[in-house]
Amino acid sequence: MYTQIIVGLGNPGDEYRLSRHNIGFMVLDELRQRHNITSSKSKFDVVFGQGRIFEHSVILAWPMTFMNLNGPAVSRLMDYFKVNGERLLVVHDDMDLTFGKIKIKEKGGHGGHNGIRSLIEALGTGYFTRVRLGVGRPEVKGEVKSYVLDRFDRFQLSFLDDLISMACDAIETILQKGIKEAMNRFNGRVIEFNN
């Protein structure tokens, strides 16, 4: 059985903990809790934990570089564990998707996301799986940087746990049933905004 590296993109530091850019970290935190995986190891500027999600051997990885610089750190971790891009799954925010929407993508370009750009540059390929989580766009064009670094607004925070849970379900489906089944089940799906 092969090992899958699951990377959550985000920025280190308490000031970014609930920012839109850090949803990848949040999803990995939930996966860690669901599957009792300890994340106490550190190597190459990446905090990581090894464990199992169902019968699958996984490494959950939180790069401790800033978002735009994560690629080299993740690449070194992959080399260390002898894992290629086909066994890399990256969870990240996506402004092209409305808040609460999920999209799984098997490969592709960076789509303007600097964290994904850094990974593609370091790996020399865009052939890795992404779980893209919609955070929406700022109302004022040109405020992209402050928008992704700001905390989720009150409305979004009230449904954030639902989005994180759906993302974890999608990752578990990828591991258990494969990417095609996960794409069929989750792509385009939006959390229910019921109170």
C-alpha atoms as a PDB file:
ATOM      1  CA  MET A   1       0.000   0.000   0.000  1.00  0.00           C
ATOM      2  CA  TYR A   2       1.412   3.392  -0.994  1.00  0.00           C
ATOM      3  CA  THR A   3       1.572   6.542   1.113  1.00  0.00           C
ATOM      4  CA  GLN A   4      -0.500   9.602   0.210  1.00  0.00           C
ATOM      5  CA  ILE A   5       0.716  13.063   1.233  1.00  0.00           C
ATOM      6  CA  ILE A   6      -2.145  15.450   1.963  1.00  0.00           C
ATOM      7  CA  VAL A   7      -1.032  19.085   2.147  1.00  0.00           C
ATOM      8  CA  GLY A   8      -3.157  21.869   3.563  1.00  0.00           C
ATOM      9  CA  LEU A   9      -2.124  25.297   2.329  1.00  0.00           C
ATOM     10  CA  GLY A  10      -2.103  28.253   4.680  1.00  0.00           C
ATOM     11  CA  ASN A  11       0.070  30.769   6.480  1.00  0.00           C
ATOM     12  CA  PRO A  12       1.751  30.131   9.841  1.00  0.00           C
ATOM     13  CA  GLY A  13       0.887  32.291  12.849  1.00  0.00           C
ATOM     14  CA  ASP A  14      -2.127  32.955  15.042  1.00  0.00           C
ATOM     15  CA  GLU A  15      -3.030  36.135  13.145  1.00  0.00           C
ATOM     16  CA  TYR A  16      -3.924  33.985  10.103  1.00  0.00           C
ATOM     17  CA  ARG A  17      -5.652  31.156  11.958  1.00  0.00           C
ATOM     18  CA  LEU A  18      -9.186  31.962  10.768  1.00  0.00           C
ATOM     19  CA  SER A  19      -8.255  33.648   7.492  1.00  0.00           C
ATOM     20  CA  ARG A  20      -9.716  32.506   4.188  1.00  0.00           C
ATOM     21  CA  HIS A  21      -6.237  31.558   2.939  1.00  0.00           C
ATOM     22  CA  ASN A  22      -5.899  29.082   5.840  1.00  0.00           C
ATOM     23  CA  ILE A  23      -8.838  26.830   5.076  1.00  0.00           C
ATOM     24  CA  GLY A  24      -6.383  24.143   3.931  1.00  0.00           C
ATOM     25  CA  PHE A  25      -4.843  24.094   7.423  1.00  0.00           C
ATOM     26  CA  MET A  26      -8.323  23.926   8.970  1.00  0.00           C
ATOM     27  CA  VAL A  27      -9.322  20.910   6.876  1.00  0.00           C
ATOM     28  CA  LEU A  28      -6.161  19.037   7.861  1.00  0.00           C
ATOM     29  CA  ASP A  29      -6.790  19.879  11.526  1.00  0.00           C
ATOM     30  CA  GLU A  30     -10.222  18.234  11.206  1.00  0.00           C
ATOM     31  CA  LEU A  31      -8.804  15.185   9.377  1.00  0.00           C
ATOM     32  CA  ARG A  32      -6.194  14.833  12.116  1.00  0.00           C
ATOM     33  CA  GLN A  33      -8.926  14.802  14.760  1.00  0.00           C
ATOM     34  CA  ARG A  34     -11.223  12.433  12.848  1.00  0.00           C
ATOM     35  CA  HIS A  35      -8.473   9.855  12.386  1.00  0.00           C
ATOM     36  CA  ASN A  36      -6.426  10.444  15.550  1.00  0.00           C
ATOM     37  CA  ILE A  37      -3.244  11.430  13.710  1.00  0.00           C
ATOM     38  CA  THR A  38      -0.585  13.215  15.758  1.00  0.00           C
ATOM     39  CA  SER A  39       1.193  16.062  13.980  1.00  0.00           C
ATOM     40  CA  SER A  40       4.297  16.431  16.113  1.00  0.00           C
ATOM     41  CA  LYS A  41       7.053  15.980  13.534  1.00  0.00           C
ATOM     42  CA  SER A  42       8.817  18.710  11.604  1.00  0.00           C
ATOM     43  CA  LYS A  43      11.167  18.579   8.638  1.00  0.00           C
ATOM     44  CA  PHE A  44      11.998  20.986   5.795  1.00  0.00           C
ATOM     45  CA  ASP A  45       9.755  23.756   7.235  1.00  0.00           C
ATOM     46  CA  VAL A  46       6.769  21.400   7.247  1.00  0.00           C
ATOM     47  CA  VAL A  47       4.891  20.168  10.321  1.00  0.00           C
ATOM     48  CA  PHE A  48       3.497  16.728   9.578  1.00  0.00           C
ATOM     49  CA  GLY A  49       1.886  13.671  11.054  1.00  0.00           C
ATOM     50  CA  GLN A  50       1.812  10.092   9.829  1.00  0.00           C
ATOM     51  CA  GLY A  51      -1.136   7.794  10.300  1.00  0.00           C
ATOM     52  CA  ARG A  52      -3.984   6.018   8.607  1.00  0.00           C
ATOM     53  CA  ILE A  53      -7.260   7.138   7.112  1.00  0.00           C
ATOM     54  CA  PHE A  54      -9.182   3.912   7.028  1.00  0.00           C
ATOM     55  CA  GLU A  55      -6.693   1.425   5.536  1.00  0.00           C
ATOM     56  CA  HIS A  56      -4.656   4.100   3.721  1.00  0.00           C
ATOM     57  CA  SER A  57      -1.244   5.257   4.919  1.00  0.00           C
ATOM     58  CA  VAL A  58      -1.172   9.071   4.909  1.00  0.00           C
ATOM     59  CA  ILE A  59       1.067  11.964   5.792  1.00  0.00           C
ATOM     60  CA  LEU A  60      -0.802  15.144   6.726  1.00  0.00           C
ATOM     61  CA  ALA A  61       1.422  18.167   6.048  1.00  0.00           C
ATOM     62  CA  TRP A  62       1.191  21.824   7.080  1.00  0.00           C
ATOM     63  CA  PRO A  63       3.925  23.919   5.364  1.00  0.00           C
ATOM     64  CA  MET A  64       5.272  26.505   7.830  1.00  0.00           C
ATOM     65  CA  THR A  65       6.554  28.769   5.085  1.00  0.00           C
ATOM     66  CA  PHE A  66       4.227  31.462   3.900  1.00  0.00           C
ATOM     67  CA  MET A  67       1.683  30.478   1.256  1.00  0.00           C
ATOM     68  CA  ASN A  68       3.651  31.783  -1.732  1.00  0.00           C
ATOM     69  CA  LEU A  69       6.802  29.892  -0.690  1.00  0.00           C
ATOM     70  CA  ASN A  70       5.429  26.452   0.179  1.00  0.00           C
ATOM     71  CA  GLY A  71       6.572  24.633  -2.974  1.00  0.00           C
ATOM     72  CA  PRO A  72      10.231  23.948  -2.103  1.00  0.00           C
ATOM     73  CA  ALA A  73       9.331  22.750   1.415  1.00  0.00           C
ATOM     74  CA  VAL A  74       6.624  20.376   0.140  1.00  0.00           C
ATOM     75  CA  SER A  75       8.911  19.160  -2.657  1.00  0.00           C
ATOM     76  CA  ARG A  76      11.675  18.288  -0.173  1.00  0.00           C
ATOM     77  CA  LEU A  77       9.185  16.418   2.037  1.00  0.00           C
ATOM     78  CA  MET A  78       7.946  14.462  -0.983  1.00  0.00           C
ATOM     79  CA  ASP A  79      11.525  13.569  -1.948  1.00  0.00           C
ATOM     80  CA  TYR A  80      12.273  12.468   1.615  1.00  0.00           C
ATOM     81  CA  PHE A  81       9.277  10.096   1.649  1.00  0.00           C
ATOM     82  CA  LYS A  82       9.762   9.125  -2.030  1.00  0.00           C
ATOM     83  CA  VAL A  83       6.258  10.280  -2.955  1.00  0.00           C
ATOM     84  CA  ASN A  84       5.501  11.573  -6.462  1.00  0.00           C
ATOM     85  CA  GLY A  85       2.851  14.034  -7.656  1.00  0.00           C
ATOM     86  CA  GLU A  86       0.334  11.268  -8.318  1.00  0.00           C
ATOM     87  CA  ARG A  87       0.262  10.660  -4.561  1.00  0.00           C
ATOM     88  CA  LEU A  88      -0.009  14.324  -3.590  1.00  0.00           C
ATOM     89  CA  LEU A  89      -3.350  15.872  -2.630  1.00  0.00           C
ATOM     90  CA  VAL A  90      -3.477  19.613  -1.899  1.00  0.00           C
ATOM     91  CA  VAL A  91      -6.319  21.391  -0.078  1.00  0.00           C
ATOM     92  CA  HIS A  92      -6.616  25.138  -0.686  1.00  0.00           C
ATOM     93  CA  ASP A  93      -8.881  28.174  -0.874  1.00  0.00           C
ATOM     94  CA  ASP A  94     -10.270  29.276  -4.225  1.00  0.00           C
ATOM     95  CA  MET A  95     -11.763  32.705  -4.952  1.00  0.00           C
ATOM     96  CA  ASP A  96     -13.197  31.531  -8.274  1.00  0.00           C
ATOM     97  CA  LEU A  97     -15.698  29.405  -6.337  1.00  0.00           C
ATOM     98  CA  THR A  98     -18.474  30.954  -4.272  1.00  0.00           C
ATOM     99  CA  PHE A  99     -18.219  30.436  -0.536  1.00  0.00           C
ATOM    100  CA  GLY A 100     -19.290  26.935   0.428  1.00  0.00           C
ATOM    101  CA  LYS A 101     -18.626  25.305  -2.933  1.00  0.00           C
ATOM    102  CA  ILE A 102     -16.139  22.489  -3.476  1.00  0.00           C
ATOM    103  CA  LYS A 103     -14.324  21.341  -6.586  1.00  0.00           C
ATOM    104  CA  ILE A 104     -11.904  18.443  -6.940  1.00  0.00           C
ATOM    105  CA  LYS A 105      -9.379  18.720  -9.734  1.00  0.00           C
ATOM    106  CA  GLU A 106      -6.972  16.025 -10.884  1.00  0.00           C
ATOM    107  CA  LYS A 107      -4.324  18.271 -12.448  1.00  0.00           C
ATOM    108  CA  GLY A 108      -3.917  21.675 -14.059  1.00  0.00           C
ATOM    109  CA  GLY A 109      -2.395  25.119 -13.783  1.00  0.00           C
ATOM    110  CA  HIS A 110      -2.269  27.466 -10.831  1.00  0.00           C
ATOM    111  CA  GLY A 111      -5.369  29.493 -11.750  1.00  0.00           C
ATOM    112  CA  GLY A 112      -3.815  32.609 -10.202  1.00  0.00           C
ATOM    113  CA  HIS A 113      -3.306  30.946  -6.796  1.00  0.00           C
ATOM    114  CA  ASN A 114       0.223  31.761  -5.655  1.00  0.00           C
ATOM    115  CA  GLY A 115       0.452  28.776  -3.314  1.00  0.00           C
ATOM    116  CA  ILE A 116      -0.352  26.410  -6.177  1.00  0.00           C
ATOM    117  CA  ARG A 117       2.022  28.371  -8.437  1.00  0.00           C
ATOM    118  CA  SER A 118       4.840  27.792  -5.919  1.00  0.00           C
ATOM    119  CA  LEU A 119       4.091  24.061  -5.824  1.00  0.00           C
ATOM    120  CA  ILE A 120       4.006  23.719  -9.614  1.00  0.00           C
ATOM    121  CA  GLU A 121       7.295  25.607  -9.937  1.00  0.00           C
ATOM    122  CA  ALA A 122       8.995  23.451  -7.285  1.00  0.00           C
ATOM    123  CA  LEU A 123       7.625  20.137  -8.577  1.00  0.00           C
ATOM    124  CA  GLY A 124       7.966  20.977 -12.259  1.00  0.00           C
ATOM    125  CA  THR A 125       4.445  19.691 -12.871  1.00  0.00           C
ATOM    126  CA  GLY A 126       0.803  20.497 -12.207  1.00  0.00           C
ATOM    127  CA  TYR A 127      -0.059  16.810 -12.066  1.00  0.00           C
ATOM    128  CA  PHE A 128      -1.407  16.494  -8.541  1.00  0.00           C
ATOM    129  CA  THR A 129      -4.888  16.392  -7.048  1.00  0.00           C
ATOM    130  CA  ARG A 130      -6.450  19.525  -5.565  1.00  0.00           C
ATOM    131  CA  VAL A 131      -9.463  19.945  -3.335  1.00  0.00           C
ATOM    132  CA  ARG A 132     -10.491  23.534  -4.020  1.00  0.00           C
ATOM    133  CA  LEU A 133     -12.723  25.220  -1.454  1.00  0.00           C
ATOM    134  CA  GLY A 134     -14.754  28.274  -2.369  1.00  0.00           C
ATOM    135  CA  VAL A 135     -14.134  31.402  -0.332  1.00  0.00           C
ATOM    136  CA  GLY A 136     -15.775  33.851  -2.755  1.00  0.00           C
ATOM    137  CA  ARG A 137     -14.391  37.162  -4.012  1.00  0.00           C
ATOM    138  CA  PRO A 138     -14.100  40.594  -2.402  1.00  0.00           C
ATOM    139  CA  GLU A 139     -16.841  43.073  -3.249  1.00  0.00           C
ATOM    140  CA  VAL A 140     -14.239  45.632  -4.338  1.00  0.00           C
ATOM    141  CA  LYS A 141     -12.001  44.480  -7.157  1.00  0.00           C
ATOM    142  CA  GLY A 142      -8.330  44.910  -6.326  1.00  0.00           C
ATOM    143  CA  GLU A 143      -8.659  43.949  -2.659  1.00  0.00           C
ATOM    144  CA  VAL A 144      -7.722  40.323  -3.285  1.00  0.00           C
ATOM    145  CA  LYS A 145      -4.702  40.175  -0.977  1.00  0.00           C
ATOM    146  CA  SER A 146      -6.474  41.677   2.021  1.00  0.00           C
ATOM    147  CA  TYR A 147      -9.562  39.538   1.316  1.00  0.00           C
ATOM    148  CA  VAL A 148      -7.754  36.187   1.472  1.00  0.00           C
ATOM    149  CA  LEU A 149      -5.694  37.263   4.489  1.00  0.00           C
ATOM    150  CA  ASP A 150      -8.782  38.529   6.373  1.00  0.00           C
ATOM    151  CA  ARG A 151     -10.861  36.345   8.632  1.00  0.00           C
ATOM    152  CA  PHE A 152     -14.014  34.780   7.287  1.00  0.00           C
ATOM    153  CA  ASP A 153     -16.950  37.137   7.868  1.00  0.00           C
ATOM    154  CA  ARG A 154     -19.609  36.356  10.458  1.00  0.00           C
ATOM    155  CA  PHE A 155     -21.946  34.670   7.949  1.00  0.00           C
ATOM    156  CA  GLN A 156     -19.138  32.510   6.546  1.00  0.00           C
ATOM    157  CA  LEU A 157     -17.881  31.591  10.015  1.00  0.00           C
ATOM    158  CA  SER A 158     -21.325  30.273  10.921  1.00  0.00           C
ATOM    159  CA  PHE A 159     -21.067  27.716   8.077  1.00  0.00           C
ATOM    160  CA  LEU A 160     -17.307  27.139   8.036  1.00  0.00           C
ATOM    161  CA  ASP A 161     -17.491  23.869   9.987  1.00  0.00           C
ATOM    162  CA  ASP A 162     -19.908  22.495   7.369  1.00  0.00           C
ATOM    163  CA  LEU A 163     -17.500  23.338   4.538  1.00  0.00           C
ATOM    164  CA  ILE A 164     -14.553  21.816   6.407  1.00  0.00           C
ATOM    165  CA  SER A 165     -16.564  18.668   7.111  1.00  0.00           C
ATOM    166  CA  MET A 166     -17.600  18.341   3.457  1.00  0.00           C
ATOM    167  CA  ALA A 167     -13.957  18.742   2.386  1.00  0.00           C
ATOM    168  CA  CYS A 168     -12.908  15.965   4.785  1.00  0.00           C
ATOM    169  CA  ASP A 169     -15.675  13.736   3.408  1.00  0.00           C
ATOM    170  CA  ALA A 170     -14.380  14.436  -0.112  1.00  0.00           C
ATOM    171  CA  ILE A 171     -10.800  13.525   0.834  1.00  0.00           C
ATOM    172  CA  GLU A 172     -11.966  10.317   2.495  1.00  0.00           C
ATOM    173  CA  THR A 173     -13.928   9.477  -0.670  1.00  0.00           C
ATOM    174  CA  ILE A 174     -10.849  10.091  -2.846  1.00  0.00           C
ATOM    175  CA  LEU A 175      -8.890   7.646  -0.683  1.00  0.00           C
ATOM    176  CA  GLN A 176     -11.653   5.034  -0.448  1.00  0.00           C
ATOM    177  CA  LYS A 177     -13.373   5.190  -3.846  1.00  0.00           C
ATOM    178  CA  GLY A 178     -10.982   7.085  -6.117  1.00  0.00           C
ATOM    179  CA  ILE A 179     -10.908  10.555  -7.590  1.00  0.00           C
ATOM    180  CA  LYS A 180     -13.574   9.978 -10.266  1.00  0.00           C
ATOM    181  CA  GLU A 181     -16.153   8.873  -7.694  1.00  0.00           C
ATOM    182  CA  ALA A 182     -15.233  11.820  -5.465  1.00  0.00           C
ATOM    183  CA  MET A 183     -15.548  14.268  -8.372  1.00  0.00           C
ATOM    184  CA  ASN A 184     -18.960  12.864  -9.292  1.00  0.00           C
ATOM    185  CA  ARG A 185     -20.148  13.116  -5.716  1.00  0.00           C
ATOM    186  CA  PHE A 186     -18.678  16.464  -4.651  1.00  0.00           C
ATOM    187  CA  ASN A 187     -17.867  18.701  -7.643  1.00  0.00           C
ATOM    188  CA  GLY A 188     -20.229  21.638  -7.734  1.00  0.00           C
ATOM    189  CA  ARG A 189     -21.703  20.708  -4.386  1.00  0.00           C
ATOM    190  CA  VAL A 190     -22.434  23.593  -2.036  1.00  0.00           C
ATOM    191  CA  ILE A 191     -23.015  23.409   1.695  1.00  0.00           C
ATOM    192  CA  GLU A 192     -26.587  23.997   2.838  1.00  0.00           C
ATOM    193  CA  PHE A 193     -27.076  27.477   4.271  1.00  0.00           C
ATOM    194  CA  ASN A 194     -29.809  26.573   6.756  1.00  0.00           C
ATOM    195  CA  ASN A 195     -29.937  27.831  10.322  1.00  0.00           C
END
